[in-house]
Amino acid sequence: MQNNINNNMNDFKKKAEEVALYIRVSTEEQALNGDSLRTQREELTKYALANGFHIYNIYEDDGFSATNLNRPALQKMLKDVRQNKINRILITKLDRLSRGVRNYYKILDTLDEHEVFWQTIFEKYDSSTANR
């Protein structure tokens, strides 16, 4: 009985989450290889809806390298994280968020400070589980 209550609570928590969809593409080559903004947006939206998440906002950086933190949509998303508007960030692959370890940890510091999870949908990364 207790297990069912815990499972129901976890399902409710997941469904009540405000998620951000973060999308980034830096080159025409990525757009041609299936990493287009449109493809990422469609896949992330489909995943969020299938898992009962509420999409708070979609943040798109078009033409920006992941080696740089000065991306307008990334900065807007981090501002919303600091204002506790988001519970989880969905990305297609980790390299959409960052390509450098130093910047990756800077982003994670902000997410951890505000208890925001992040998850990739094409790779098996989910900071809300032990399988990080």
N, C-alpha and C. Protein backbone atom coordinates (compact mmCIF):
# COMPACT_ATOMS: atom_id res chain seq x y z
N MET A 1 0.82 -1.19 0.00
CA MET A 1 0.00 0.00 0.00
C MET A 1 0.87 1.26 0.00
N GLN A 2 1.88 1.31 0.87
CA GLN A 2 2.77 2.47 0.94
C GLN A 2 3.49 2.68 -0.38
N ASN A 3 3.88 1.57 -1.03
CA ASN A 3 4.55 1.68 -2.32
C ASN A 3 3.66 2.34 -3.36
N ASN A 4 2.37 2.01 -3.38
CA ASN A 4 1.44 2.62 -4.33
C ASN A 4 1.31 4.11 -4.08
N ILE A 5 1.28 4.50 -2.81
CA ILE A 5 1.19 5.92 -2.47
C ILE A 5 2.42 6.65 -2.95
N ASN A 6 3.60 6.07 -2.70
CA ASN A 6 4.85 6.69 -3.15
C ASN A 6 4.89 6.80 -4.67
N ASN A 7 4.47 5.74 -5.37
CA ASN A 7 4.45 5.79 -6.83
C ASN A 7 3.50 6.86 -7.34
N ASN A 8 2.32 6.96 -6.73
CA ASN A 8 1.37 7.98 -7.14
C ASN A 8 1.90 9.38 -6.88
N MET A 9 2.59 9.57 -5.76
CA MET A 9 3.18 10.87 -5.45
C MET A 9 4.26 11.22 -6.47
N ASN A 10 5.09 10.23 -6.83
CA ASN A 10 6.13 10.48 -7.82
C ASN A 10 5.52 10.83 -9.18
N ASP A 11 4.44 10.13 -9.56
CA ASP A 11 3.77 10.44 -10.82
C ASP A 11 3.21 11.85 -10.78
N PHE A 12 2.61 12.24 -9.66
CA PHE A 12 2.06 13.59 -9.54
C PHE A 12 3.16 14.63 -9.64
N LYS A 13 4.27 14.39 -8.94
CA LYS A 13 5.39 15.34 -8.98
C LYS A 13 5.90 15.51 -10.40
N LYS A 14 6.05 14.38 -11.12
CA LYS A 14 6.55 14.46 -12.48
C LYS A 14 5.59 15.25 -13.36
N LYS A 15 4.30 14.99 -13.21
CA LYS A 15 3.31 15.67 -14.05
C LYS A 15 3.19 17.14 -13.72
N ALA A 16 3.54 17.52 -12.50
CA ALA A 16 3.41 18.92 -12.09
C ALA A 16 4.66 19.72 -12.45
N GLU A 17 5.67 19.07 -12.97
CA GLU A 17 6.92 19.76 -13.26
C GLU A 17 6.78 20.75 -14.41
N GLU A 18 7.40 21.89 -14.20
CA GLU A 18 7.52 22.91 -15.26
C GLU A 18 8.84 22.64 -15.96
N VAL A 19 8.78 22.30 -17.22
CA VAL A 19 10.01 21.97 -17.93
C VAL A 19 10.35 23.02 -18.96
N ALA A 20 11.64 23.17 -19.15
CA ALA A 20 12.18 24.03 -20.20
C ALA A 20 12.72 23.10 -21.28
N LEU A 21 12.46 23.44 -22.51
CA LEU A 21 13.05 22.73 -23.63
C LEU A 21 14.18 23.61 -24.15
N TYR A 22 15.41 23.09 -24.10
CA TYR A 22 16.53 23.87 -24.59
C TYR A 22 17.01 23.29 -25.91
N ILE A 23 17.08 24.15 -26.91
CA ILE A 23 17.42 23.76 -28.27
C ILE A 23 18.55 24.66 -28.76
N ARG A 24 19.55 24.02 -29.38
CA ARG A 24 20.66 24.80 -29.91
C ARG A 24 21.20 24.14 -31.16
N VAL A 25 21.55 24.97 -32.12
CA VAL A 25 22.26 24.51 -33.31
C VAL A 25 23.27 25.59 -33.67
N SER A 26 24.47 25.14 -34.06
CA SER A 26 25.50 26.13 -34.34
C SER A 26 25.89 26.21 -35.81
N THR A 27 25.71 25.14 -36.54
CA THR A 27 26.17 25.15 -37.92
C THR A 27 25.13 24.55 -38.85
N GLU A 28 25.28 24.86 -40.12
CA GLU A 28 24.40 24.29 -41.13
C GLU A 28 24.55 22.77 -41.18
N GLU A 29 25.77 22.28 -40.93
CA GLU A 29 26.02 20.84 -40.94
C GLU A 29 25.13 20.12 -39.93
N GLN A 30 25.01 20.69 -38.72
CA GLN A 30 24.16 20.06 -37.71
C GLN A 30 22.71 20.05 -38.18
N ALA A 31 22.27 21.12 -38.79
CA ALA A 31 20.90 21.19 -39.29
C ALA A 31 20.67 20.10 -40.34
N LEU A 32 21.68 19.84 -41.16
CA LEU A 32 21.54 18.82 -42.20
C LEU A 32 21.62 17.40 -41.65
N ASN A 33 22.21 17.22 -40.48
CA ASN A 33 22.38 15.89 -39.89
C ASN A 33 21.33 15.56 -38.84
N GLY A 34 20.19 16.19 -38.89
CA GLY A 34 19.11 15.84 -37.99
C GLY A 34 19.09 16.58 -36.67
N ASP A 35 19.95 17.57 -36.51
CA ASP A 35 19.98 18.34 -35.27
C ASP A 35 19.34 19.71 -35.47
N SER A 36 18.50 19.85 -36.46
CA SER A 36 17.90 21.15 -36.73
C SER A 36 17.06 21.62 -35.55
N LEU A 37 16.86 22.91 -35.47
CA LEU A 37 16.01 23.46 -34.42
C LEU A 37 14.63 22.82 -34.47
N ARG A 38 14.10 22.71 -35.65
CA ARG A 38 12.75 22.14 -35.81
C ARG A 38 12.69 20.70 -35.30
N THR A 39 13.67 19.88 -35.69
CA THR A 39 13.69 18.48 -35.26
C THR A 39 13.81 18.39 -33.74
N GLN A 40 14.72 19.17 -33.16
CA GLN A 40 14.88 19.15 -31.70
C GLN A 40 13.59 19.58 -31.01
N ARG A 41 12.99 20.66 -31.49
CA ARG A 41 11.74 21.17 -30.90
C ARG A 41 10.64 20.10 -30.95
N GLU A 42 10.48 19.47 -32.10
CA GLU A 42 9.43 18.45 -32.26
C GLU A 42 9.67 17.26 -31.33
N GLU A 43 10.90 16.76 -31.28
CA GLU A 43 11.21 15.60 -30.45
C GLU A 43 11.06 15.91 -28.96
N LEU A 44 11.54 17.07 -28.54
CA LEU A 44 11.44 17.44 -27.12
C LEU A 44 9.98 17.68 -26.72
N THR A 45 9.22 18.32 -27.58
CA THR A 45 7.81 18.56 -27.29
C THR A 45 7.05 17.24 -27.19
N LYS A 46 7.30 16.35 -28.13
CA LYS A 46 6.65 15.04 -28.10
C LYS A 46 6.99 14.29 -26.81
N TYR A 47 8.25 14.32 -26.43
CA TYR A 47 8.69 13.63 -25.21
C TYR A 47 8.04 14.24 -23.97
N ALA A 48 8.04 15.56 -23.89
CA ALA A 48 7.46 16.24 -22.72
C ALA A 48 5.98 15.90 -22.59
N LEU A 49 5.26 15.99 -23.66
CA LEU A 49 3.82 15.71 -23.60
C LEU A 49 3.53 14.25 -23.29
N ALA A 50 4.32 13.34 -23.86
CA ALA A 50 4.13 11.91 -23.60
C ALA A 50 4.41 11.55 -22.14
N ASN A 51 5.23 12.36 -21.48
CA ASN A 51 5.58 12.08 -20.08
C ASN A 51 4.83 12.97 -19.09
N GLY A 52 3.84 13.69 -19.57
CA GLY A 52 2.99 14.48 -18.69
C GLY A 52 3.62 15.73 -18.13
N PHE A 53 4.68 16.21 -18.76
CA PHE A 53 5.32 17.44 -18.30
C PHE A 53 4.59 18.65 -18.86
N HIS A 54 4.61 19.74 -18.12
CA HIS A 54 4.09 21.01 -18.61
C HIS A 54 5.27 21.81 -19.16
N ILE A 55 5.16 22.23 -20.41
CA ILE A 55 6.24 22.99 -21.02
C ILE A 55 6.12 24.46 -20.61
N TYR A 56 7.07 24.89 -19.81
CA TYR A 56 7.08 26.29 -19.37
C TYR A 56 7.48 27.21 -20.52
N ASN A 57 8.57 26.82 -21.21
CA ASN A 57 9.05 27.65 -22.31
C ASN A 57 10.01 26.82 -23.17
N ILE A 58 10.15 27.25 -24.42
CA ILE A 58 11.13 26.66 -25.32
C ILE A 58 12.20 27.73 -25.57
N TYR A 59 13.43 27.37 -25.29
CA TYR A 59 14.56 28.29 -25.41
C TYR A 59 15.41 27.84 -26.59
N GLU A 60 15.55 28.68 -27.59
CA GLU A 60 16.27 28.33 -28.82
C GLU A 60 17.45 29.26 -29.06
N ASP A 61 18.61 28.66 -29.23
CA ASP A 61 19.81 29.40 -29.62
C ASP A 61 20.20 28.92 -31.02
N ASP A 62 20.01 29.76 -32.00
CA ASP A 62 20.31 29.45 -33.39
C ASP A 62 21.63 30.12 -33.79
N GLY A 63 22.60 29.30 -34.16
CA GLY A 63 23.87 29.84 -34.62
C GLY A 63 24.88 30.12 -33.53
N PHE A 64 24.72 29.47 -32.36
CA PHE A 64 25.64 29.69 -31.24
C PHE A 64 26.38 28.41 -30.89
N SER A 65 27.65 28.55 -30.63
CA SER A 65 28.48 27.42 -30.23
C SER A 65 28.21 27.07 -28.76
N ALA A 66 28.28 25.78 -28.46
CA ALA A 66 28.11 25.32 -27.08
C ALA A 66 29.36 25.54 -26.26
N THR A 67 30.42 26.03 -26.87
CA THR A 67 31.64 26.33 -26.12
C THR A 67 31.56 27.69 -25.45
N ASN A 68 30.50 28.42 -25.71
CA ASN A 68 30.32 29.79 -25.21
C ASN A 68 29.05 29.85 -24.35
N LEU A 69 29.14 30.46 -23.18
CA LEU A 69 27.96 30.62 -22.33
C LEU A 69 27.14 31.86 -22.69
N ASN A 70 27.68 32.72 -23.54
CA ASN A 70 26.98 33.94 -23.92
C ASN A 70 25.99 33.67 -25.05
N ARG A 71 25.01 32.84 -24.74
CA ARG A 71 23.94 32.51 -25.68
C ARG A 71 22.65 33.11 -25.12
N PRO A 72 21.95 33.91 -25.89
CA PRO A 72 20.77 34.60 -25.36
C PRO A 72 19.72 33.69 -24.74
N ALA A 73 19.37 32.61 -25.41
CA ALA A 73 18.32 31.73 -24.87
C ALA A 73 18.82 30.99 -23.63
N LEU A 74 20.08 30.58 -23.63
CA LEU A 74 20.65 29.92 -22.45
C LEU A 74 20.60 30.87 -21.26
N GLN A 75 21.01 32.10 -21.46
CA GLN A 75 21.00 33.07 -20.36
C GLN A 75 19.58 33.35 -19.87
N LYS A 76 18.62 33.43 -20.77
CA LYS A 76 17.22 33.63 -20.38
C LYS A 76 16.73 32.43 -19.58
N MET A 77 17.09 31.22 -20.02
CA MET A 77 16.67 30.02 -19.29
C MET A 77 17.30 29.98 -17.90
N LEU A 78 18.59 30.32 -17.79
CA LEU A 78 19.24 30.32 -16.48
C LEU A 78 18.64 31.39 -15.57
N LYS A 79 18.22 32.50 -16.14
CA LYS A 79 17.53 33.53 -15.36
C LYS A 79 16.21 32.97 -14.82
N ASP A 80 15.48 32.25 -15.66
CA ASP A 80 14.22 31.64 -15.21
C ASP A 80 14.47 30.56 -14.16
N VAL A 81 15.58 29.85 -14.28
CA VAL A 81 15.98 28.87 -13.26
C VAL A 81 16.20 29.59 -11.93
N ARG A 82 16.95 30.69 -11.97
CA ARG A 82 17.23 31.45 -10.74
C ARG A 82 15.96 32.02 -10.11
N GLN A 83 14.94 32.24 -10.93
CA GLN A 83 13.66 32.74 -10.43
C GLN A 83 12.70 31.60 -10.09
N ASN A 84 13.22 30.37 -10.08
CA ASN A 84 12.46 29.17 -9.70
C ASN A 84 11.20 28.96 -10.53
N LYS A 85 11.29 29.24 -11.81
CA LYS A 85 10.16 29.04 -12.72
C LYS A 85 10.20 27.67 -13.39
N ILE A 86 11.32 26.99 -13.28
CA ILE A 86 11.54 25.72 -13.99
C ILE A 86 11.98 24.65 -13.00
N ASN A 87 11.50 23.41 -13.20
CA ASN A 87 11.91 22.28 -12.38
C ASN A 87 12.86 21.32 -13.09
N ARG A 88 12.78 21.32 -14.43
CA ARG A 88 13.56 20.35 -15.22
C ARG A 88 13.85 20.96 -16.59
N ILE A 89 15.02 20.61 -17.12
CA ILE A 89 15.39 21.03 -18.46
C ILE A 89 15.54 19.79 -19.32
N LEU A 90 14.88 19.79 -20.45
CA LEU A 90 15.00 18.70 -21.41
C LEU A 90 15.86 19.16 -22.59
N ILE A 91 16.80 18.31 -22.98
CA ILE A 91 17.63 18.55 -24.16
C ILE A 91 17.71 17.24 -24.93
N THR A 92 17.98 17.32 -26.22
CA THR A 92 18.07 16.09 -27.00
C THR A 92 19.34 15.32 -26.65
N LYS A 93 20.47 16.03 -26.62
CA LYS A 93 21.77 15.43 -26.30
C LYS A 93 22.56 16.42 -25.46
N LEU A 94 23.48 15.89 -24.70
CA LEU A 94 24.27 16.72 -23.79
C LEU A 94 25.03 17.83 -24.51
N ASP A 95 25.50 17.57 -25.73
CA ASP A 95 26.28 18.58 -26.43
C ASP A 95 25.44 19.78 -26.88
N ARG A 96 24.14 19.70 -26.77
CA ARG A 96 23.29 20.86 -27.05
C ARG A 96 23.46 21.90 -25.94
N LEU A 97 23.74 21.43 -24.72
CA LEU A 97 23.88 22.31 -23.57
C LEU A 97 25.30 22.86 -23.45
N SER A 98 26.29 21.97 -23.57
CA SER A 98 27.67 22.41 -23.41
C SER A 98 28.62 21.42 -24.07
N ARG A 99 29.73 21.95 -24.56
CA ARG A 99 30.77 21.10 -25.14
C ARG A 99 32.05 21.16 -24.32
N GLY A 100 32.10 22.03 -23.34
CA GLY A 100 33.28 22.16 -22.50
C GLY A 100 32.97 21.85 -21.05
N VAL A 101 33.87 21.15 -20.40
CA VAL A 101 33.66 20.74 -19.01
C VAL A 101 33.48 21.94 -18.09
N ARG A 102 34.29 22.96 -18.26
CA ARG A 102 34.21 24.14 -17.39
C ARG A 102 32.82 24.79 -17.48
N ASN A 103 32.32 25.00 -18.69
CA ASN A 103 31.00 25.61 -18.86
C ASN A 103 29.89 24.69 -18.39
N TYR A 104 30.06 23.40 -18.63
CA TYR A 104 29.09 22.41 -18.16
C TYR A 104 28.92 22.53 -16.64
N TYR A 105 30.03 22.61 -15.92
CA TYR A 105 29.94 22.71 -14.46
C TYR A 105 29.38 24.05 -14.00
N LYS A 106 29.64 25.10 -14.74
CA LYS A 106 29.04 26.40 -14.39
C LYS A 106 27.52 26.33 -14.51
N ILE A 107 27.05 25.71 -15.57
CA ILE A 107 25.60 25.55 -15.75
C ILE A 107 25.04 24.67 -14.64
N LEU A 108 25.70 23.54 -14.38
CA LEU A 108 25.22 22.62 -13.35
C LEU A 108 25.20 23.25 -11.97
N ASP A 109 26.14 24.10 -11.67
CA ASP A 109 26.13 24.79 -10.37
C ASP A 109 24.84 25.57 -10.19
N THR A 110 24.43 26.28 -11.22
CA THR A 110 23.17 27.05 -11.16
C THR A 110 21.98 26.11 -11.01
N LEU A 111 21.96 25.04 -11.79
CA LEU A 111 20.83 24.10 -11.73
C LEU A 111 20.76 23.44 -10.35
N ASP A 112 21.90 23.00 -9.85
CA ASP A 112 21.93 22.35 -8.53
C ASP A 112 21.49 23.31 -7.43
N GLU A 113 21.93 24.53 -7.51
CA GLU A 113 21.58 25.53 -6.50
C GLU A 113 20.06 25.74 -6.41
N HIS A 114 19.38 25.56 -7.53
CA HIS A 114 17.93 25.79 -7.57
C HIS A 114 17.14 24.49 -7.72
N GLU A 115 17.83 23.35 -7.48
CA GLU A 115 17.22 22.03 -7.51
C GLU A 115 16.46 21.77 -8.81
N VAL A 116 17.11 22.10 -9.91
CA VAL A 116 16.54 21.87 -11.24
C VAL A 116 17.24 20.66 -11.85
N PHE A 117 16.44 19.69 -12.28
CA PHE A 117 16.97 18.51 -12.94
C PHE A 117 17.17 18.79 -14.42
N TRP A 118 18.02 18.02 -15.05
CA TRP A 118 18.18 18.09 -16.50
C TRP A 118 18.19 16.66 -17.02
N GLN A 119 17.76 16.53 -18.27
CA GLN A 119 17.61 15.21 -18.84
C GLN A 119 17.80 15.27 -20.35
N THR A 120 18.50 14.29 -20.90
CA THR A 120 18.61 14.16 -22.35
C THR A 120 17.60 13.10 -22.80
N ILE A 121 17.04 13.29 -23.99
CA ILE A 121 16.06 12.31 -24.44
C ILE A 121 16.64 11.30 -25.43
N PHE A 122 17.79 11.59 -26.03
CA PHE A 122 18.42 10.65 -26.96
C PHE A 122 19.60 9.93 -26.33
N GLU A 123 19.99 10.32 -25.15
CA GLU A 123 21.07 9.68 -24.40
C GLU A 123 20.51 9.35 -23.02
N LYS A 124 21.19 8.55 -22.28
CA LYS A 124 20.68 8.12 -20.98
C LYS A 124 21.25 8.94 -19.84
N TYR A 125 20.95 10.23 -19.86
CA TYR A 125 21.35 11.11 -18.77
C TYR A 125 20.09 11.71 -18.16
N ASP A 126 19.98 11.60 -16.85
CA ASP A 126 18.84 12.15 -16.12
C ASP A 126 19.32 12.46 -14.71
N SER A 127 19.46 13.73 -14.38
CA SER A 127 20.03 14.09 -13.08
C SER A 127 19.07 13.81 -11.92
N SER A 128 17.84 13.41 -12.22
CA SER A 128 16.89 13.12 -11.13
C SER A 128 16.98 11.66 -10.69
N THR A 129 17.84 10.87 -11.35
CA THR A 129 18.00 9.46 -11.00
C THR A 129 19.44 9.19 -10.58
N ALA A 130 19.65 8.00 -10.07
CA ALA A 130 21.01 7.60 -9.69
C ALA A 130 21.87 7.30 -10.92
N ASN A 131 21.24 7.22 -12.09
CA ASN A 131 21.95 6.85 -13.32
C ASN A 131 22.49 8.07 -14.06
N ARG A 132 23.01 9.05 -13.38
CA ARG A 132 23.53 10.25 -14.03
C ARG A 132 24.70 9.95 -14.92
